[in-house]
N, C-alpha and C. Protein backbone atom coordinates (compact mmCIF):
# COMPACT_ATOMS: atom_id res chain seq x y z
N MET A 1 33.30 12.08 23.25
CA MET A 1 32.40 11.44 24.25
C MET A 1 30.90 11.82 23.74
N GLY A 2 30.03 10.80 23.64
CA GLY A 2 28.62 11.00 23.09
C GLY A 2 27.73 11.33 24.22
N ARG A 3 26.50 11.81 23.73
CA ARG A 3 25.48 12.18 24.64
C ARG A 3 24.89 10.98 25.36
N GLY A 4 24.41 11.15 26.49
CA GLY A 4 23.74 10.03 27.00
C GLY A 4 22.37 9.72 26.46
N LYS A 5 21.87 8.53 26.64
CA LYS A 5 20.57 8.07 26.06
C LYS A 5 19.44 8.72 26.77
N THR A 6 18.52 9.33 26.02
CA THR A 6 17.33 10.00 26.55
C THR A 6 16.20 8.93 26.87
N VAL A 7 15.72 9.01 28.08
CA VAL A 7 14.60 8.02 28.33
C VAL A 7 13.36 8.66 27.78
N ILE A 8 12.65 7.92 26.98
CA ILE A 8 11.43 8.42 26.43
C ILE A 8 10.22 8.33 27.47
N LYS A 9 9.84 9.31 28.03
CA LYS A 9 8.79 9.37 28.99
C LYS A 9 8.34 10.87 29.18
N ARG A 10 7.18 11.07 29.63
CA ARG A 10 6.64 12.36 29.71
C ARG A 10 7.44 13.23 30.66
N ILE A 11 7.95 14.54 30.27
CA ILE A 11 8.57 15.37 30.95
C ILE A 11 7.81 16.09 32.02
N ASP A 12 8.12 15.99 33.25
CA ASP A 12 7.10 16.54 34.29
C ASP A 12 7.32 18.04 34.44
N ASN A 13 8.46 18.59 34.21
CA ASN A 13 8.72 20.07 34.38
C ASN A 13 8.14 20.78 33.08
N THR A 14 7.10 21.62 33.28
CA THR A 14 6.52 22.29 32.13
C THR A 14 7.41 23.04 31.29
N THR A 15 8.39 23.69 31.83
CA THR A 15 9.24 24.64 31.12
C THR A 15 10.23 23.72 30.17
N ASN A 16 10.75 22.72 30.83
CA ASN A 16 11.68 21.86 30.05
C ASN A 16 10.84 20.97 29.02
N ARG A 17 9.52 20.74 29.33
CA ARG A 17 8.65 20.02 28.37
C ARG A 17 8.47 20.93 27.08
N GLN A 18 8.16 22.23 27.24
CA GLN A 18 8.01 23.15 26.25
C GLN A 18 9.16 23.42 25.57
N VAL A 19 10.27 23.54 26.08
CA VAL A 19 11.68 23.67 25.43
C VAL A 19 11.91 22.45 24.51
N THR A 20 11.75 21.30 24.99
CA THR A 20 11.89 20.04 24.35
C THR A 20 10.92 19.94 23.10
N PHE A 21 9.69 20.33 23.37
CA PHE A 21 8.67 20.28 22.37
C PHE A 21 9.13 21.27 21.13
N SER A 22 9.49 22.36 21.46
CA SER A 22 9.96 23.49 20.48
C SER A 22 11.13 22.93 19.75
N LYS A 23 12.21 22.36 20.42
CA LYS A 23 13.40 21.94 19.75
C LYS A 23 13.06 20.77 18.76
N ARG A 24 12.31 19.76 19.30
CA ARG A 24 11.97 18.54 18.55
C ARG A 24 11.07 18.89 17.43
N ARG A 25 10.14 19.86 17.63
CA ARG A 25 9.23 20.19 16.53
C ARG A 25 9.94 20.83 15.40
N ASN A 26 10.88 21.76 15.74
CA ASN A 26 11.73 22.36 14.66
C ASN A 26 12.45 21.41 13.96
N GLY A 27 13.14 20.38 14.71
CA GLY A 27 13.79 19.39 14.02
C GLY A 27 13.04 18.44 13.17
N LEU A 28 11.84 18.09 13.62
CA LEU A 28 10.96 17.24 12.71
C LEU A 28 10.47 18.11 11.46
N LEU A 29 10.24 19.29 11.60
CA LEU A 29 9.77 20.10 10.44
C LEU A 29 10.99 20.19 9.48
N LYS A 30 12.19 20.44 9.99
CA LYS A 30 13.40 20.55 9.18
C LYS A 30 13.59 19.20 8.40
N LYS A 31 13.39 18.12 9.07
CA LYS A 31 13.59 16.77 8.46
C LYS A 31 12.66 16.58 7.30
N ALA A 32 11.30 16.93 7.58
CA ALA A 32 10.26 16.74 6.59
C ALA A 32 10.59 17.52 5.36
N ARG A 33 11.05 18.88 5.60
CA ARG A 33 11.41 19.74 4.42
C ARG A 33 12.46 19.11 3.65
N GLU A 34 13.52 18.65 4.36
CA GLU A 34 14.75 18.05 3.77
C GLU A 34 14.29 16.68 2.94
N LEU A 35 13.56 15.97 3.49
CA LEU A 35 13.16 14.79 2.88
C LEU A 35 12.33 14.99 1.62
N SER A 36 11.38 16.10 1.62
CA SER A 36 10.64 16.43 0.36
C SER A 36 11.49 17.01 -0.60
N ILE A 37 12.53 17.67 -0.43
CA ILE A 37 13.41 18.18 -1.36
C ILE A 37 14.38 17.17 -1.82
N LEU A 38 15.04 16.34 -1.08
CA LEU A 38 16.06 15.45 -1.40
C LEU A 38 15.44 14.31 -2.21
N CYS A 39 14.32 13.78 -1.81
CA CYS A 39 13.73 12.59 -2.37
C CYS A 39 12.50 12.80 -3.25
N ASP A 40 12.10 14.18 -3.39
CA ASP A 40 10.95 14.53 -4.28
C ASP A 40 9.68 13.79 -3.72
N ALA A 41 9.61 13.79 -2.41
CA ALA A 41 8.41 13.11 -1.72
C ALA A 41 7.42 14.15 -1.44
N GLU A 42 6.15 13.81 -1.45
CA GLU A 42 5.11 14.72 -1.06
C GLU A 42 4.84 14.41 0.29
N ILE A 43 5.06 15.38 1.25
CA ILE A 43 4.85 15.20 2.53
C ILE A 43 3.92 16.21 3.26
N GLY A 44 3.12 15.77 4.15
CA GLY A 44 2.24 16.59 4.94
C GLY A 44 2.41 16.26 6.37
N LEU A 45 2.82 17.27 7.18
CA LEU A 45 3.05 17.12 8.66
C LEU A 45 2.16 17.92 9.39
N ILE A 46 1.35 17.44 10.30
CA ILE A 46 0.47 18.24 11.13
C ILE A 46 0.83 17.88 12.62
N ILE A 47 1.07 19.06 13.41
CA ILE A 47 1.45 18.81 14.85
C ILE A 47 0.47 19.76 15.68
N PHE A 48 -0.12 19.13 16.80
CA PHE A 48 -0.91 19.88 17.70
C PHE A 48 -0.05 19.91 18.93
N SER A 49 0.18 21.00 19.44
CA SER A 49 0.86 21.11 20.92
C SER A 49 -0.19 20.74 21.92
N SER A 50 0.36 20.68 23.16
CA SER A 50 -0.54 20.35 24.29
C SER A 50 -1.49 21.41 24.63
N THR A 51 -1.18 22.68 24.12
CA THR A 51 -2.08 23.74 24.33
C THR A 51 -3.06 23.91 23.21
N GLY A 52 -3.00 23.01 22.15
CA GLY A 52 -3.88 23.07 20.98
C GLY A 52 -3.37 23.85 19.77
N LYS A 53 -2.21 24.43 19.92
CA LYS A 53 -1.75 25.25 18.78
C LYS A 53 -1.32 24.29 17.67
N LEU A 54 -1.67 24.80 16.45
CA LEU A 54 -1.36 24.00 15.21
C LEU A 54 -0.06 24.43 14.58
N TYR A 55 0.77 23.40 14.19
CA TYR A 55 2.08 23.48 13.37
C TYR A 55 1.87 22.69 12.24
N ASP A 56 2.16 23.06 11.08
CA ASP A 56 2.09 22.09 9.89
C ASP A 56 3.08 22.41 8.97
N PHE A 57 3.43 21.45 8.00
CA PHE A 57 4.34 21.60 6.94
C PHE A 57 3.68 20.77 5.79
N ALA A 58 3.65 21.28 4.57
CA ALA A 58 3.33 20.52 3.36
C ALA A 58 4.11 20.97 2.29
N SER A 59 4.69 19.92 1.53
CA SER A 59 5.60 20.08 0.51
C SER A 59 4.89 20.65 -0.81
N SER A 60 3.55 20.35 -0.79
CA SER A 60 2.69 20.98 -1.86
C SER A 60 1.42 21.44 -1.10
N SER A 61 0.24 21.30 -1.64
CA SER A 61 -0.90 21.66 -1.06
C SER A 61 -1.39 20.71 0.09
N MET A 62 -1.57 21.18 1.28
CA MET A 62 -1.94 20.37 2.45
C MET A 62 -3.32 19.63 2.01
N LYS A 63 -4.23 20.32 1.36
CA LYS A 63 -5.45 19.76 1.00
C LYS A 63 -5.31 18.66 0.06
N SER A 64 -4.53 18.77 -0.98
CA SER A 64 -4.24 17.74 -1.91
C SER A 64 -3.67 16.54 -1.29
N ILE A 65 -2.73 16.82 -0.26
CA ILE A 65 -2.14 15.61 0.37
C ILE A 65 -3.02 14.89 1.17
N ILE A 66 -3.98 15.61 1.92
CA ILE A 66 -4.98 14.90 2.79
C ILE A 66 -5.94 14.13 1.75
N GLU A 67 -6.37 14.77 0.67
CA GLU A 67 -7.24 14.04 -0.17
C GLU A 67 -6.58 12.75 -0.80
N ARG A 68 -5.31 12.82 -1.06
CA ARG A 68 -4.62 11.67 -1.60
C ARG A 68 -4.54 10.57 -0.53
N TYR A 69 -4.24 11.11 0.76
CA TYR A 69 -4.14 10.18 1.86
C TYR A 69 -5.44 9.41 2.03
N ASN A 70 -6.60 10.17 1.96
CA ASN A 70 -7.87 9.66 2.31
C ASN A 70 -8.26 8.58 1.06
N GLY A 71 -7.78 8.89 -0.06
CA GLY A 71 -8.10 7.97 -1.23
C GLY A 71 -7.25 6.67 -1.01
N GLN A 72 -6.01 6.72 -0.63
CA GLN A 72 -5.12 5.70 -0.41
C GLN A 72 -5.64 4.82 0.80
N LYS A 73 -6.11 5.50 1.78
CA LYS A 73 -6.59 4.82 2.99
C LYS A 73 -7.91 4.09 2.67
N GLY A 74 -8.63 4.73 1.95
CA GLY A 74 -9.95 4.09 1.36
C GLY A 74 -9.73 2.82 0.72
N GLU A 75 -8.72 2.69 -0.18
CA GLU A 75 -8.43 1.48 -0.93
C GLU A 75 -8.07 0.31 0.04
N ARG A 76 -7.20 0.69 1.02
CA ARG A 76 -6.68 -0.39 1.99
C ARG A 76 -7.68 -0.78 2.96
N ASN A 77 -8.32 0.12 3.59
CA ASN A 77 -9.21 -0.23 4.77
C ASN A 77 -10.69 -0.19 4.23
N LEU A 78 -11.54 -0.78 5.19
CA LEU A 78 -12.92 -0.55 4.90
C LEU A 78 -13.38 0.81 4.90
N LEU A 79 -14.11 1.12 3.90
CA LEU A 79 -14.49 2.57 3.86
C LEU A 79 -15.61 2.95 4.71
N VAL A 80 -15.74 4.19 5.22
CA VAL A 80 -16.58 4.69 6.14
C VAL A 80 -17.97 4.97 5.45
N ASP A 81 -17.78 5.63 4.26
CA ASP A 81 -19.10 6.00 3.49
C ASP A 81 -19.72 4.65 2.93
N PRO A 82 -20.95 4.37 3.35
CA PRO A 82 -21.63 3.11 2.79
C PRO A 82 -21.72 3.07 1.32
N ALA A 83 -21.96 4.22 0.55
CA ALA A 83 -21.97 4.11 -0.91
C ALA A 83 -20.60 3.84 -1.44
N SER A 84 -19.63 4.40 -0.92
CA SER A 84 -18.21 4.06 -1.45
C SER A 84 -17.90 2.60 -1.08
N GLU A 85 -18.34 2.13 0.08
CA GLU A 85 -17.91 0.73 0.37
C GLU A 85 -18.70 -0.12 -0.51
N ILE A 86 -19.85 0.13 -0.91
CA ILE A 86 -20.60 -0.71 -1.79
C ILE A 86 -19.96 -0.84 -3.12
N LYS A 87 -19.45 0.37 -3.68
CA LYS A 87 -18.77 0.48 -4.95
C LYS A 87 -17.50 -0.34 -4.78
N PHE A 88 -16.77 -0.26 -3.71
CA PHE A 88 -15.58 -0.98 -3.53
C PHE A 88 -15.75 -2.46 -3.66
N TRP A 89 -16.72 -2.97 -2.96
CA TRP A 89 -16.95 -4.40 -2.95
C TRP A 89 -17.53 -4.89 -4.33
N GLN A 90 -18.31 -3.98 -5.06
CA GLN A 90 -18.78 -4.28 -6.21
C GLN A 90 -17.48 -4.56 -7.32
N ARG A 91 -16.48 -3.55 -7.15
CA ARG A 91 -15.35 -3.77 -7.96
C ARG A 91 -14.55 -5.02 -7.70
N GLU A 92 -14.51 -5.22 -6.28
CA GLU A 92 -13.72 -6.52 -5.93
C GLU A 92 -14.59 -7.75 -6.48
N ALA A 93 -15.86 -7.78 -6.30
CA ALA A 93 -16.64 -8.93 -6.77
C ALA A 93 -16.45 -9.14 -8.39
N ALA A 94 -16.44 -8.01 -9.06
CA ALA A 94 -16.21 -8.08 -10.59
C ALA A 94 -14.85 -8.55 -10.84
N SER A 95 -13.84 -8.14 -10.10
CA SER A 95 -12.45 -8.63 -10.42
C SER A 95 -12.43 -10.08 -10.04
N LEU A 96 -13.02 -10.58 -8.96
CA LEU A 96 -12.97 -11.98 -8.62
C LEU A 96 -13.65 -12.94 -9.65
N ARG A 97 -14.79 -12.28 -10.24
CA ARG A 97 -15.50 -13.10 -11.22
C ARG A 97 -14.72 -13.20 -12.47
N GLU A 98 -13.88 -12.10 -12.89
CA GLU A 98 -13.09 -12.21 -14.10
C GLU A 98 -12.00 -13.37 -13.77
N GLN A 99 -11.36 -13.24 -12.65
CA GLN A 99 -10.36 -14.24 -12.31
C GLN A 99 -10.85 -15.71 -12.35
N LEU A 100 -12.16 -15.90 -11.87
CA LEU A 100 -12.76 -17.24 -11.85
C LEU A 100 -13.02 -17.55 -13.28
N GLN A 101 -13.59 -16.75 -14.07
CA GLN A 101 -13.80 -17.08 -15.45
C GLN A 101 -12.48 -17.44 -16.13
N TYR A 102 -11.43 -16.79 -15.96
CA TYR A 102 -10.13 -17.14 -16.48
C TYR A 102 -9.75 -18.45 -16.04
N VAL A 103 -9.78 -18.68 -14.80
CA VAL A 103 -9.31 -20.07 -14.22
C VAL A 103 -10.13 -21.19 -14.80
N HIS A 104 -11.41 -21.02 -14.96
CA HIS A 104 -12.33 -22.01 -15.54
C HIS A 104 -11.94 -22.25 -16.99
N GLN A 105 -11.72 -21.23 -17.72
CA GLN A 105 -11.37 -21.37 -19.10
C GLN A 105 -10.09 -22.09 -19.23
N TYR A 106 -9.10 -21.67 -18.50
CA TYR A 106 -7.76 -22.35 -18.63
C TYR A 106 -7.80 -23.71 -18.13
N ASN A 107 -8.75 -24.18 -17.10
CA ASN A 107 -8.97 -25.49 -16.75
C ASN A 107 -9.59 -26.40 -17.98
N ARG A 108 -10.41 -25.72 -18.60
CA ARG A 108 -11.15 -26.43 -19.74
C ARG A 108 -10.07 -26.71 -20.86
N GLN A 109 -9.19 -25.68 -20.99
CA GLN A 109 -8.16 -25.93 -22.06
C GLN A 109 -7.16 -26.96 -21.67
N LEU A 110 -6.65 -27.06 -20.33
CA LEU A 110 -5.86 -28.06 -19.85
C LEU A 110 -6.61 -29.54 -20.03
N MET A 111 -7.78 -29.48 -19.88
CA MET A 111 -8.46 -30.69 -20.01
C MET A 111 -8.75 -31.14 -21.52
N GLY A 112 -8.34 -30.34 -22.39
CA GLY A 112 -8.54 -30.51 -23.88
C GLY A 112 -9.77 -30.01 -24.57
N ARG A 113 -10.58 -29.19 -23.91
CA ARG A 113 -11.74 -28.74 -24.45
C ARG A 113 -11.50 -27.23 -24.87
N GLU A 114 -12.33 -26.81 -25.73
CA GLU A 114 -12.32 -25.31 -26.16
C GLU A 114 -10.81 -24.85 -26.53
N LEU A 115 -10.20 -25.68 -27.41
CA LEU A 115 -8.95 -25.35 -27.94
C LEU A 115 -8.98 -24.57 -29.32
N SER A 116 -10.16 -24.56 -29.96
CA SER A 116 -10.25 -23.91 -31.14
C SER A 116 -9.90 -22.41 -31.14
N SER A 117 -10.07 -21.81 -30.04
CA SER A 117 -9.72 -20.35 -29.93
C SER A 117 -8.33 -20.05 -29.64
N LEU A 118 -7.54 -21.05 -29.48
CA LEU A 118 -6.07 -20.72 -29.19
C LEU A 118 -5.34 -20.73 -30.47
N GLY A 119 -4.26 -19.92 -30.45
CA GLY A 119 -3.37 -19.70 -31.54
C GLY A 119 -2.21 -20.80 -31.33
N ILE A 120 -1.39 -20.85 -32.41
CA ILE A 120 -0.21 -21.78 -32.34
C ILE A 120 0.63 -21.67 -31.21
N LYS A 121 0.98 -20.33 -30.84
CA LYS A 121 1.82 -20.12 -29.68
C LYS A 121 1.16 -20.53 -28.36
N ASP A 122 -0.09 -20.26 -28.32
CA ASP A 122 -0.81 -20.80 -27.02
C ASP A 122 -0.86 -22.27 -26.85
N LEU A 123 -1.09 -23.00 -28.09
CA LEU A 123 -1.14 -24.36 -28.02
C LEU A 123 0.31 -24.91 -27.79
N ARG A 124 1.37 -24.32 -28.15
CA ARG A 124 2.72 -24.74 -27.87
C ARG A 124 2.94 -24.62 -26.25
N ASN A 125 2.55 -23.47 -25.87
CA ASN A 125 2.69 -23.23 -24.38
C ASN A 125 1.87 -24.24 -23.58
N LEU A 126 0.72 -24.60 -23.97
CA LEU A 126 -0.06 -25.54 -23.36
C LEU A 126 0.56 -26.95 -23.38
N GLU A 127 1.06 -27.24 -24.54
CA GLU A 127 1.81 -28.56 -24.78
C GLU A 127 2.98 -28.61 -23.83
N ASN A 128 3.78 -27.60 -23.77
CA ASN A 128 4.96 -27.64 -22.79
C ASN A 128 4.43 -27.72 -21.43
N GLN A 129 3.37 -27.03 -21.05
CA GLN A 129 2.77 -27.19 -19.61
C GLN A 129 2.45 -28.76 -19.34
N MET A 130 1.84 -29.21 -20.38
CA MET A 130 1.34 -30.64 -20.14
C MET A 130 2.55 -31.69 -20.04
N GLU A 131 3.51 -31.27 -20.80
CA GLU A 131 4.80 -32.15 -20.78
C GLU A 131 5.52 -32.08 -19.50
N MET A 132 5.51 -30.85 -18.98
CA MET A 132 6.33 -30.60 -17.60
C MET A 132 5.48 -31.21 -16.48
N SER A 133 4.11 -31.20 -16.64
CA SER A 133 3.28 -31.92 -15.65
C SER A 133 3.39 -33.38 -15.74
N LEU A 134 3.52 -33.99 -16.96
CA LEU A 134 3.69 -35.34 -17.03
C LEU A 134 4.98 -35.81 -16.49
N ARG A 135 6.06 -35.10 -16.71
CA ARG A 135 7.37 -35.34 -16.27
C ARG A 135 7.39 -35.35 -14.66
N SER A 136 6.56 -34.37 -14.21
CA SER A 136 6.66 -34.21 -12.72
C SER A 136 5.95 -35.50 -12.09
N ILE A 137 4.84 -35.87 -12.73
CA ILE A 137 4.11 -37.03 -12.21
C ILE A 137 4.92 -38.30 -12.38
N ARG A 138 5.57 -38.45 -13.49
CA ARG A 138 6.46 -39.67 -13.63
C ARG A 138 7.50 -39.65 -12.59
N THR A 139 8.15 -38.44 -12.26
CA THR A 139 9.23 -38.42 -11.28
C THR A 139 8.75 -38.81 -9.95
N LYS A 140 7.45 -38.44 -9.59
CA LYS A 140 7.02 -38.77 -8.34
C LYS A 140 6.67 -40.18 -8.18
N LYS A 141 6.23 -40.82 -9.30
CA LYS A 141 5.78 -42.16 -9.41
C LYS A 141 6.91 -43.15 -9.19
N VAL A 142 8.19 -42.72 -9.58
CA VAL A 142 9.26 -43.58 -9.45
C VAL A 142 9.69 -43.55 -8.01
């Protein structure tokens, strides 16, 4: 016979709440440790109790994990530091300029201009692309 389903809500009795916190904290720390060993994952776990006491686990240096987290977070989200945000958007703009330049060059080649810089292999790929496009157009026309 299995255990009953636990309702997830705040435990009113302070003694029961503290016991549950202690058991679940230990279980969470154990799972973090196991995950770091079994999967060679870099894990950092920080827990503050309701009384403000700190519990933590780090598979390596907590400082290096936090620095790595901040670096990853900075790449995905808008950066808080204005200088870093400016650098981020400058890199994005440069990347988009390169992509736009490539698309313009590819478009000119598809239109039959600036083909002298292409090698035989590139010209054959361009020819195949044109033939496939022509077939597609003829299929739609019918």
